[in-house]
Structures are given as C-alpha cells and as structure tokens.
Amino acid sequence: MHLISIRNLRKDSSQYPHLKQIINEWYSTLRKAEWQSLEDVRRIYKNAEAVGNFTVFNIKGNNYRLIVGIDYENQVVYYKYLLTHAEYNRNKWKNDPYF
C-alpha cells in the first residue's frame, strides 16, 4: 500500500510525541500490506472499522483515532485525520466531503 500525505500525518502526530513509535509501526505495516478489503485490514488491526467512506484505526488503547480512506483496487491509502477520542466524538470530521 502507498500512503498519500505521510507529511501531513507526521506533522499532525508531532503534537503527540508519545505516538511516534505507534505511527511509525502502523506506517511500516501499511507499506508491506496488500489489503484487498476491510477484512484484510482487520486481520492485523482487529478494531479497524469502516465509518462512511473512511477506515478508522484505534490508536494507543482507543485514546486516538487515525482516519484514512483506502482505495483497495489501486493500493493507496489517503491520510485524513489523527484525532483524540474527544475530537473524534465531536463528529466534525464527518463534514469531510469524502465521508
């Protein structure tokens, strides 16, 4: 899989230095993956879920949400948001036109 906007993910995650290793591990896994469906994603990330057109990953014990769009056919992941649990629950991210 190829991640679009890794720069934005790194910038957003820099607000939370304690997430650096987790984000790097997620990215490393993503680069090696050849996911064809959400079921493939869930083999590695059991708590990943589809919400609208996005895939949501629970990060650091459910304290953060990593939100991406996945184009399985073209093997591309589009980084959208890295949110705290509280920010995620406000649902402002659902205003994204891709949602």
PDB file of N, CA and C in Angstrom:
ATOM      1  N   MET A   1       0.850  -1.177   0.000  1.00  0.00           N
ATOM      2  CA  MET A   1       0.000   0.000   0.000  1.00  0.00           C
ATOM      3  C   MET A   1       0.892   1.236   0.000  1.00  0.00           C
ATOM      4  N   HIS A   2       0.385   2.268  -0.617  1.00  0.00           N
ATOM      5  CA  HIS A   2       1.106   3.540  -0.683  1.00  0.00           C
ATOM      6  C   HIS A   2       0.290   4.585   0.077  1.00  0.00           C
ATOM      7  N   LEU A   3       0.947   5.308   0.982  1.00  0.00           N
ATOM      8  CA  LEU A   3       0.258   6.320   1.778  1.00  0.00           C
ATOM      9  C   LEU A   3       0.433   7.700   1.160  1.00  0.00           C
ATOM     10  N   ILE A   4      -0.689   8.335   0.894  1.00  0.00           N
ATOM     11  CA  ILE A   4      -0.694   9.716   0.409  1.00  0.00           C
ATOM     12  C   ILE A   4      -0.819  10.620   1.634  1.00  0.00           C
ATOM     13  N   SER A   5      -0.001  11.634   1.692  1.00  0.00           N
ATOM     14  CA  SER A   5       0.010  12.636   2.762  1.00  0.00           C
ATOM     15  C   SER A   5       0.737  12.178   4.018  1.00  0.00           C
ATOM     16  N   ILE A   6       1.793  11.394   3.858  1.00  0.00           N
ATOM     17  CA  ILE A   6       2.607  10.994   5.009  1.00  0.00           C
ATOM     18  C   ILE A   6       3.145  12.235   5.721  1.00  0.00           C
ATOM     19  N   ARG A   7       3.442  13.270   4.958  1.00  0.00           N
ATOM     20  CA  ARG A   7       3.941  14.516   5.553  1.00  0.00           C
ATOM     21  C   ARG A   7       2.913  15.112   6.519  1.00  0.00           C
ATOM     22  N   ASN A   8       1.659  15.091   6.111  1.00  0.00           N
ATOM     23  CA  ASN A   8       0.598  15.619   6.980  1.00  0.00           C
ATOM     24  C   ASN A   8       0.414  14.745   8.218  1.00  0.00           C
ATOM     25  N   LEU A   9       0.511  13.438   8.058  1.00  0.00           N
ATOM     26  CA  LEU A   9       0.416  12.544   9.208  1.00  0.00           C
ATOM     27  C   LEU A   9       1.547  12.819  10.193  1.00  0.00           C
ATOM     28  N   ARG A  10       2.745  12.966   9.687  1.00  0.00           N
ATOM     29  CA  ARG A  10       3.884  13.249  10.569  1.00  0.00           C
ATOM     30  C   ARG A  10       3.727  14.589  11.270  1.00  0.00           C
ATOM     31  N   LYS A  11       3.241  15.576  10.541  1.00  0.00           N
ATOM     32  CA  LYS A  11       3.021  16.899  11.133  1.00  0.00           C
ATOM     33  C   LYS A  11       1.964  16.811  12.238  1.00  0.00           C
ATOM     34  N   ASP A  12       0.844  16.167  11.943  1.00  0.00           N
ATOM     35  CA  ASP A  12      -0.227  16.059  12.935  1.00  0.00           C
ATOM     36  C   ASP A  12       0.212  15.234  14.145  1.00  0.00           C
ATOM     37  N   SER A  13       0.944  14.158  13.903  1.00  0.00           N
ATOM     38  CA  SER A  13       1.355  13.296  15.012  1.00  0.00           C
ATOM     39  C   SER A  13       2.457  13.934  15.852  1.00  0.00           C
ATOM     40  N   SER A  14       3.134  14.943  15.320  1.00  0.00           N
ATOM     41  CA  SER A  14       4.182  15.614  16.102  1.00  0.00           C
ATOM     42  C   SER A  14       3.607  16.318  17.333  1.00  0.00           C
ATOM     43  N   GLN A  15       2.303  16.573  17.335  1.00  0.00           N
ATOM     44  CA  GLN A  15       1.640  17.151  18.517  1.00  0.00           C
ATOM     45  C   GLN A  15       1.607  16.164  19.680  1.00  0.00           C
ATOM     46  N   TYR A  16       1.771  14.885  19.344  1.00  0.00           N
ATOM     47  CA  TYR A  16       1.668  13.813  20.330  1.00  0.00           C
ATOM     48  C   TYR A  16       2.922  12.940  20.256  1.00  0.00           C
ATOM     49  N   PRO A  17       4.040  13.390  20.822  1.00  0.00           N
ATOM     50  CA  PRO A  17       5.304  12.656  20.707  1.00  0.00           C
ATOM     51  C   PRO A  17       5.215  11.204  21.175  1.00  0.00           C
ATOM     52  N   HIS A  18       4.328  10.920  22.124  1.00  0.00           N
ATOM     53  CA  HIS A  18       4.175   9.562  22.628  1.00  0.00           C
ATOM     54  C   HIS A  18       3.553   8.618  21.587  1.00  0.00           C
ATOM     55  N   LEU A  19       3.086   9.164  20.469  1.00  0.00           N
ATOM     56  CA  LEU A  19       2.514   8.332  19.407  1.00  0.00           C
ATOM     57  C   LEU A  19       3.511   8.000  18.303  1.00  0.00           C
ATOM     58  N   LYS A  20       4.688   8.593  18.356  1.00  0.00           N
ATOM     59  CA  LYS A  20       5.640   8.440  17.254  1.00  0.00           C
ATOM     60  C   LYS A  20       5.914   6.982  16.902  1.00  0.00           C
ATOM     61  N   GLN A  21       6.221   6.171  17.881  1.00  0.00           N
ATOM     62  CA  GLN A  21       6.539   4.769  17.609  1.00  0.00           C
ATOM     63  C   GLN A  21       5.321   4.032  17.046  1.00  0.00           C
ATOM     64  N   ILE A  22       4.160   4.282  17.597  1.00  0.00           N
ATOM     65  CA  ILE A  22       2.943   3.613  17.128  1.00  0.00           C
ATOM     66  C   ILE A  22       2.642   3.984  15.684  1.00  0.00           C
ATOM     67  N   ILE A  23       2.761   5.270  15.364  1.00  0.00           N
ATOM     68  CA  ILE A  23       2.509   5.731  13.991  1.00  0.00           C
ATOM     69  C   ILE A  23       3.550   5.135  13.047  1.00  0.00           C
ATOM     70  N   ASN A  24       4.808   5.104  13.451  1.00  0.00           N
ATOM     71  CA  ASN A  24       5.856   4.515  12.604  1.00  0.00           C
ATOM     72  C   ASN A  24       5.604   3.032  12.360  1.00  0.00           C
ATOM     73  N   GLU A  25       5.169   2.305  13.386  1.00  0.00           N
ATOM     74  CA  GLU A  25       4.853   0.887  13.222  1.00  0.00           C
ATOM     75  C   GLU A  25       3.662   0.692  12.295  1.00  0.00           C
ATOM     76  N   TRP A  26       2.638   1.522  12.448  1.00  0.00           N
ATOM     77  CA  TRP A  26       1.466   1.448  11.578  1.00  0.00           C
ATOM     78  C   TRP A  26       1.881   1.686  10.126  1.00  0.00           C
ATOM     79  N   TYR A  27       2.702   2.713   9.909  1.00  0.00           N
ATOM     80  CA  TYR A  27       3.157   3.042   8.559  1.00  0.00           C
ATOM     81  C   TYR A  27       4.005   1.906   7.975  1.00  0.00           C
ATOM     82  N   SER A  28       4.866   1.333   8.761  1.00  0.00           N
ATOM     83  CA  SER A  28       5.693   0.214   8.305  1.00  0.00           C
ATOM     84  C   SER A  28       4.821  -0.974   7.897  1.00  0.00           C
ATOM     85  N   THR A  29       3.815  -1.273   8.681  1.00  0.00           N
ATOM     86  CA  THR A  29       2.880  -2.357   8.359  1.00  0.00           C
ATOM     87  C   THR A  29       2.131  -2.040   7.071  1.00  0.00           C
ATOM     88  N   LEU A  30       1.663  -0.814   6.964  1.00  0.00           N
ATOM     89  CA  LEU A  30       0.916  -0.374   5.790  1.00  0.00           C
ATOM     90  C   LEU A  30       1.729  -0.532   4.510  1.00  0.00           C
ATOM     91  N   ARG A  31       2.985  -0.151   4.550  1.00  0.00           N
ATOM     92  CA  ARG A  31       3.837  -0.205   3.357  1.00  0.00           C
ATOM     93  C   ARG A  31       4.002  -1.629   2.835  1.00  0.00           C
ATOM     94  N   LYS A  32       3.963  -2.608   3.734  1.00  0.00           N
ATOM     95  CA  LYS A  32       4.128  -4.009   3.337  1.00  0.00           C
ATOM     96  C   LYS A  32       2.802  -4.674   2.952  1.00  0.00           C
ATOM     97  N   ALA A  33       1.706  -4.050   3.331  1.00  0.00           N
ATOM     98  CA  ALA A  33       0.389  -4.657   3.153  1.00  0.00           C
ATOM     99  C   ALA A  33      -0.065  -4.643   1.699  1.00  0.00           C
ATOM    100  N   GLU A  34      -0.908  -5.598   1.388  1.00  0.00           N
ATOM    101  CA  GLU A  34      -1.587  -5.660   0.088  1.00  0.00           C
ATOM    102  C   GLU A  34      -3.063  -5.933   0.339  1.00  0.00           C
ATOM    103  N   TRP A  35      -3.675  -5.067   1.126  1.00  0.00           N
ATOM    104  CA  TRP A  35      -5.059  -5.246   1.518  1.00  0.00           C
ATOM    105  C   TRP A  35      -5.992  -5.160   0.324  1.00  0.00           C
ATOM    106  N   GLN A  36      -6.971  -6.043   0.322  1.00  0.00           N
ATOM    107  CA  GLN A  36      -7.999  -6.050  -0.718  1.00  0.00           C
ATOM    108  C   GLN A  36      -9.379  -5.685  -0.171  1.00  0.00           C
ATOM    109  N   SER A  37      -9.490  -5.653   1.165  1.00  0.00           N
ATOM    110  CA  SER A  37     -10.780  -5.374   1.791  1.00  0.00           C
ATOM    111  C   SER A  37     -10.565  -5.030   3.266  1.00  0.00           C
ATOM    112  N   LEU A  38     -11.634  -4.575   3.888  1.00  0.00           N
ATOM    113  CA  LEU A  38     -11.573  -4.284   5.322  1.00  0.00           C
ATOM    114  C   LEU A  38     -11.254  -5.546   6.113  1.00  0.00           C
ATOM    115  N   GLU A  39     -11.709  -6.680   5.645  1.00  0.00           N
ATOM    116  CA  GLU A  39     -11.420  -7.939   6.326  1.00  0.00           C
ATOM    117  C   GLU A  39      -9.909  -8.191   6.378  1.00  0.00           C
ATOM    118  N   ASP A  40      -9.199  -7.841   5.306  1.00  0.00           N
ATOM    119  CA  ASP A  40      -7.737  -7.968   5.300  1.00  0.00           C
ATOM    120  C   ASP A  40      -7.105  -7.040   6.334  1.00  0.00           C
ATOM    121  N   VAL A  41      -7.601  -5.829   6.411  1.00  0.00           N
ATOM    122  CA  VAL A  41      -7.098  -4.861   7.390  1.00  0.00           C
ATOM    123  C   VAL A  41      -7.315  -5.409   8.793  1.00  0.00           C
ATOM    124  N   ARG A  42      -8.488  -5.975   9.038  1.00  0.00           N
ATOM    125  CA  ARG A  42      -8.851  -6.452  10.371  1.00  0.00           C
ATOM    126  C   ARG A  42      -8.074  -7.697  10.796  1.00  0.00           C
ATOM    127  N   ARG A  43      -7.421  -8.356   9.872  1.00  0.00           N
ATOM    128  CA  ARG A  43      -6.564  -9.469  10.265  1.00  0.00           C
ATOM    129  C   ARG A  43      -5.384  -8.971  11.094  1.00  0.00           C
ATOM    130  N   ILE A  44      -4.975  -7.733  10.830  1.00  0.00           N
ATOM    131  CA  ILE A  44      -3.859  -7.121  11.559  1.00  0.00           C
ATOM    132  C   ILE A  44      -4.379  -6.164  12.632  1.00  0.00           C
ATOM    133  N   TYR A  45      -5.347  -5.349  12.266  1.00  0.00           N
ATOM    134  CA  TYR A  45      -5.910  -4.344  13.171  1.00  0.00           C
ATOM    135  C   TYR A  45      -7.364  -4.711  13.452  1.00  0.00           C
ATOM    136  N   LYS A  46      -7.568  -5.531  14.458  1.00  0.00           N
ATOM    137  CA  LYS A  46      -8.891  -6.091  14.757  1.00  0.00           C
ATOM    138  C   LYS A  46      -9.964  -5.047  15.027  1.00  0.00           C
ATOM    139  N   ASN A  47      -9.562  -3.885  15.530  1.00  0.00           N
ATOM    140  CA  ASN A  47     -10.531  -2.840  15.857  1.00  0.00           C
ATOM    141  C   ASN A  47     -10.770  -1.847  14.733  1.00  0.00           C
ATOM    142  N   ALA A  48     -10.140  -2.050  13.586  1.00  0.00           N
ATOM    143  CA  ALA A  48     -10.368  -1.142  12.460  1.00  0.00           C
ATOM    144  C   ALA A  48     -11.828  -1.267  12.026  1.00  0.00           C
ATOM    145  N   GLU A  49     -12.405  -0.123  11.660  1.00  0.00           N
ATOM    146  CA  GLU A  49     -13.799  -0.161  11.247  1.00  0.00           C
ATOM    147  C   GLU A  49     -14.053   0.820  10.112  1.00  0.00           C
ATOM    148  N   ALA A  50     -15.031   0.492   9.310  1.00  0.00           N
ATOM    149  CA  ALA A  50     -15.461   1.380   8.239  1.00  0.00           C
ATOM    150  C   ALA A  50     -16.508   2.323   8.817  1.00  0.00           C
ATOM    151  N   VAL A  51     -16.290   3.615   8.609  1.00  0.00           N
ATOM    152  CA  VAL A  51     -17.253   4.631   9.020  1.00  0.00           C
ATOM    153  C   VAL A  51     -17.414   5.549   7.817  1.00  0.00           C
ATOM    154  N   GLY A  52     -18.559   5.499   7.199  1.00  0.00           N
ATOM    155  CA  GLY A  52     -18.740   6.213   5.939  1.00  0.00           C
ATOM    156  C   GLY A  52     -17.771   5.636   4.919  1.00  0.00           C
ATOM    157  N   ASN A  53     -17.074   6.492   4.210  1.00  0.00           N
ATOM    158  CA  ASN A  53     -16.066   6.055   3.236  1.00  0.00           C
ATOM    159  C   ASN A  53     -14.677   5.936   3.835  1.00  0.00           C
ATOM    160  N   PHE A  54     -14.564   6.113   5.140  1.00  0.00           N
ATOM    161  CA  PHE A  54     -13.273   6.080   5.803  1.00  0.00           C
ATOM    162  C   PHE A  54     -13.054   4.756   6.538  1.00  0.00           C
ATOM    163  N   THR A  55     -11.793   4.484   6.818  1.00  0.00           N
ATOM    164  CA  THR A  55     -11.426   3.405   7.721  1.00  0.00           C
ATOM    165  C   THR A  55     -10.815   4.073   8.949  1.00  0.00           C
ATOM    166  N   VAL A  56     -11.264   3.659  10.119  1.00  0.00           N
ATOM    167  CA  VAL A  56     -10.841   4.266  11.378  1.00  0.00           C
ATOM    168  C   VAL A  56     -10.039   3.238  12.175  1.00  0.00           C
ATOM    169  N   PHE A  57      -8.842   3.642  12.576  1.00  0.00           N
ATOM    170  CA  PHE A  57      -7.977   2.809  13.403  1.00  0.00           C
ATOM    171  C   PHE A  57      -7.957   3.387  14.811  1.00  0.00           C
ATOM    172  N   ASN A  58      -8.143   2.537  15.807  1.00  0.00           N
ATOM    173  CA  ASN A  58      -7.997   2.948  17.201  1.00  0.00           C
ATOM    174  C   ASN A  58      -6.516   2.898  17.533  1.00  0.00           C
ATOM    175  N   ILE A  59      -6.008   3.998  18.055  1.00  0.00           N
ATOM    176  CA  ILE A  59      -4.582   4.113  18.349  1.00  0.00           C
ATOM    177  C   ILE A  59      -4.386   4.316  19.854  1.00  0.00           C
ATOM    178  N   LYS A  60      -3.367   3.685  20.376  1.00  0.00           N
ATOM    179  CA  LYS A  60      -2.965   3.835  21.782  1.00  0.00           C
ATOM    180  C   LYS A  60      -4.127   3.599  22.729  1.00  0.00           C
ATOM    181  N   GLY A  61      -4.598   2.367  22.711  1.00  0.00           N
ATOM    182  CA  GLY A  61      -5.637   1.979  23.659  1.00  0.00           C
ATOM    183  C   GLY A  61      -6.925   2.746  23.502  1.00  0.00           C
ATOM    184  N   ASN A  62      -7.283   3.056  22.275  1.00  0.00           N
ATOM    185  CA  ASN A  62      -8.554   3.719  21.994  1.00  0.00           C
ATOM    186  C   ASN A  62      -8.550   5.203  22.376  1.00  0.00           C
ATOM    187  N   ASN A  63      -7.373   5.784  22.648  1.00  0.00           N
ATOM    188  CA  ASN A  63      -7.291   7.197  23.015  1.00  0.00           C
ATOM    189  C   ASN A  63      -7.241   8.126  21.804  1.00  0.00           C
ATOM    190  N   TYR A  64      -6.872   7.584  20.657  1.00  0.00           N
ATOM    191  CA  TYR A  64      -6.751   8.366  19.428  1.00  0.00           C
ATOM    192  C   TYR A  64      -7.387   7.608  18.283  1.00  0.00           C
ATOM    193  N   ARG A  65      -7.757   8.355  17.243  1.00  0.00           N
ATOM    194  CA  ARG A  65      -8.306   7.754  16.038  1.00  0.00           C
ATOM    195  C   ARG A  65      -7.490   8.220  14.835  1.00  0.00           C
ATOM    196  N   LEU A  66      -7.039   7.270  14.063  1.00  0.00           N
ATOM    197  CA  LEU A  66      -6.353   7.545  12.801  1.00  0.00           C
ATOM    198  C   LEU A  66      -7.364   7.241  11.715  1.00  0.00           C
ATOM    199  N   ILE A  67      -7.714   8.255  10.938  1.00  0.00           N
ATOM    200  CA  ILE A  67      -8.769   8.125   9.930  1.00  0.00           C
ATOM    201  C   ILE A  67      -8.151   8.247   8.550  1.00  0.00           C
ATOM    202  N   VAL A  68      -8.436   7.254   7.716  1.00  0.00           N
ATOM    203  CA  VAL A  68      -7.884   7.212   6.360  1.00  0.00           C
ATOM    204  C   VAL A  68      -8.972   6.781   5.380  1.00  0.00           C
ATOM    205  N   GLY A  69      -8.715   7.062   4.118  1.00  0.00           N
ATOM    206  CA  GLY A  69      -9.506   6.500   3.037  1.00  0.00           C
ATOM    207  C   GLY A  69      -8.634   5.460   2.357  1.00  0.00           C
ATOM    208  N   ILE A  70      -9.210   4.321   2.017  1.00  0.00           N
ATOM    209  CA  ILE A  70      -8.421   3.266   1.388  1.00  0.00           C
ATOM    210  C   ILE A  70      -9.011   2.929   0.020  1.00  0.00           C
ATOM    211  N   ASP A  71      -8.163   3.003  -0.995  1.00  0.00           N
ATOM    212  CA  ASP A  71      -8.508   2.569  -2.347  1.00  0.00           C
ATOM    213  C   ASP A  71      -7.845   1.212  -2.536  1.00  0.00           C
ATOM    214  N   TYR A  72      -8.595   0.158  -2.275  1.00  0.00           N
ATOM    215  CA  TYR A  72      -8.035  -1.191  -2.322  1.00  0.00           C
ATOM    216  C   TYR A  72      -7.586  -1.573  -3.727  1.00  0.00           C
ATOM    217  N   GLU A  73      -8.343  -1.154  -4.714  1.00  0.00           N
ATOM    218  CA  GLU A  73      -8.012  -1.512  -6.100  1.00  0.00           C
ATOM    219  C   GLU A  73      -6.652  -0.971  -6.517  1.00  0.00           C
ATOM    220  N   ASN A  74      -6.367   0.280  -6.155  1.00  0.00           N
ATOM    221  CA  ASN A  74      -5.110   0.911  -6.543  1.00  0.00           C
ATOM    222  C   ASN A  74      -4.036   0.844  -5.466  1.00  0.00           C
ATOM    223  N   GLN A  75      -4.355   0.202  -4.332  1.00  0.00           N
ATOM    224  CA  GLN A  75      -3.403   0.020  -3.237  1.00  0.00           C
ATOM    225  C   GLN A  75      -2.887   1.348  -2.694  1.00  0.00           C
ATOM    226  N   VAL A  76      -3.825   2.271  -2.479  1.00  0.00           N
ATOM    227  CA  VAL A  76      -3.482   3.604  -1.993  1.00  0.00           C
ATOM    228  C   VAL A  76      -4.287   3.903  -0.728  1.00  0.00           C
ATOM    229  N   VAL A  77      -3.611   4.466   0.266  1.00  0.00           N
ATOM    230  CA  VAL A  77      -4.252   4.912   1.499  1.00  0.00           C
ATOM    231  C   VAL A  77      -4.098   6.427   1.564  1.00  0.00           C
ATOM    232  N   TYR A  78      -5.188   7.111   1.818  1.00  0.00           N
ATOM    233  CA  TYR A  78      -5.190   8.573   1.909  1.00  0.00           C
ATOM    234  C   TYR A  78      -5.354   8.966   3.378  1.00  0.00           C
ATOM    235  N   TYR A  79      -4.307   9.541   3.949  1.00  0.00           N
ATOM    236  CA  TYR A  79      -4.398  10.027   5.323  1.00  0.00           C
ATOM    237  C   TYR A  79      -5.362  11.199   5.375  1.00  0.00           C
ATOM    238  N   LYS A  80      -6.263  11.178   6.372  1.00  0.00           N
ATOM    239  CA  LYS A  80      -7.210  12.269   6.530  1.00  0.00           C
ATOM    240  C   LYS A  80      -7.059  12.980   7.873  1.00  0.00           C
ATOM    241  N   TYR A  81      -7.144  12.219   8.989  1.00  0.00           N
ATOM    242  CA  TYR A  81      -7.162  12.856  10.306  1.00  0.00           C
ATOM    243  C   TYR A  81      -6.496  11.976  11.359  1.00  0.00           C
ATOM    244  N   LEU A  82      -5.872  12.620  12.321  1.00  0.00           N
ATOM    245  CA  LEU A  82      -5.418  11.987  13.553  1.00  0.00           C
ATOM    246  C   LEU A  82      -6.070  12.783  14.673  1.00  0.00           C
ATOM    247  N   LEU A  83      -7.006  12.154  15.379  1.00  0.00           N
ATOM    248  CA  LEU A  83      -7.820  12.861  16.363  1.00  0.00           C
ATOM    249  C   LEU A  83      -7.749  12.186  17.728  1.00  0.00           C
ATOM    250  N   THR A  84      -7.924  12.987  18.758  1.00  0.00           N
ATOM    251  CA  THR A  84      -8.107  12.399  20.077  1.00  0.00           C
ATOM    252  C   THR A  84      -9.502  11.776  20.095  1.00  0.00           C
ATOM    253  N   HIS A  85      -9.740  10.944  21.086  1.00  0.00           N
ATOM    254  CA  HIS A  85     -11.057  10.314  21.219  1.00  0.00           C
ATOM    255  C   HIS A  85     -12.149  11.381  21.326  1.00  0.00           C
ATOM    256  N   ALA A  86     -11.882  12.426  22.094  1.00  0.00           N
ATOM    257  CA  ALA A  86     -12.869  13.502  22.278  1.00  0.00           C
ATOM    258  C   ALA A  86     -13.142  14.236  20.966  1.00  0.00           C
ATOM    259  N   GLU A  87     -12.088  14.534  20.206  1.00  0.00           N
ATOM    260  CA  GLU A  87     -12.273  15.209  18.910  1.00  0.00           C
ATOM    261  C   GLU A  87     -13.078  14.326  17.956  1.00  0.00           C
ATOM    262  N   TYR A  88     -12.775  13.062  17.958  1.00  0.00           N
ATOM    263  CA  TYR A  88     -13.488  12.112  17.104  1.00  0.00           C
ATOM    264  C   TYR A  88     -14.976  12.111  17.434  1.00  0.00           C
ATOM    265  N   ASN A  89     -15.292  12.110  18.710  1.00  0.00           N
ATOM    266  CA  ASN A  89     -16.692  12.063  19.134  1.00  0.00           C
ATOM    267  C   ASN A  89     -17.479  13.324  18.801  1.00  0.00           C
ATOM    268  N   ARG A  90     -16.791  14.428  18.539  1.00  0.00           N
ATOM    269  CA  ARG A  90     -17.489  15.665  18.139  1.00  0.00           C
ATOM    270  C   ARG A  90     -18.031  15.571  16.718  1.00  0.00           C
ATOM    271  N   ASN A  91     -17.522  14.601  15.941  1.00  0.00           N
ATOM    272  CA  ASN A  91     -18.021  14.295  14.595  1.00  0.00           C
ATOM    273  C   ASN A  91     -17.783  15.373  13.541  1.00  0.00           C
ATOM    274  N   LYS A  92     -16.954  16.388  13.819  1.00  0.00           N
ATOM    275  CA  LYS A  92     -16.679  17.410  12.804  1.00  0.00           C
ATOM    276  C   LYS A  92     -16.010  16.805  11.573  1.00  0.00           C
ATOM    277  N   TRP A  93     -15.227  15.747  11.773  1.00  0.00           N
ATOM    278  CA  TRP A  93     -14.540  15.090  10.661  1.00  0.00           C
ATOM    279  C   TRP A  93     -15.530  14.502   9.665  1.00  0.00           C
ATOM    280  N   LYS A  94     -16.747  14.272  10.099  1.00  0.00           N
ATOM    281  CA  LYS A  94     -17.759  13.724   9.201  1.00  0.00           C
ATOM    282  C   LYS A  94     -18.254  14.752   8.196  1.00  0.00           C
ATOM    283  N   ASN A  95     -17.826  16.016   8.358  1.00  0.00           N
ATOM    284  CA  ASN A  95     -18.169  17.054   7.391  1.00  0.00           C
ATOM    285  C   ASN A  95     -17.269  16.997   6.157  1.00  0.00           C
ATOM    286  N   ASP A  96     -16.239  16.149   6.201  1.00  0.00           N
ATOM    287  CA  ASP A  96     -15.343  15.979   5.065  1.00  0.00           C
ATOM    288  C   ASP A  96     -16.154  15.527   3.854  1.00  0.00           C
ATOM    289  N   PRO A  97     -15.962  16.162   2.692  1.00  0.00           N
ATOM    290  CA  PRO A  97     -16.751  15.802   1.506  1.00  0.00           C
ATOM    291  C   PRO A  97     -16.592  14.340   1.083  1.00  0.00           C
ATOM    292  N   TYR A  98     -15.493  13.718   1.435  1.00  0.00           N
ATOM    293  CA  TYR A  98     -15.270  12.316   1.067  1.00  0.00           C
ATOM    294  C   TYR A  98     -16.076  11.368   1.950  1.00  0.00           C
ATOM    295  N   PHE A  99     -16.477  11.835   3.148  1.00  0.00           N
ATOM    296  CA  PHE A  99     -17.178  10.998   4.101  1.00  0.00           C
ATOM    297  C   PHE A  99     -18.413  10.404   3.443  1.00  0.00           C
TER     298      PHE A  99
END
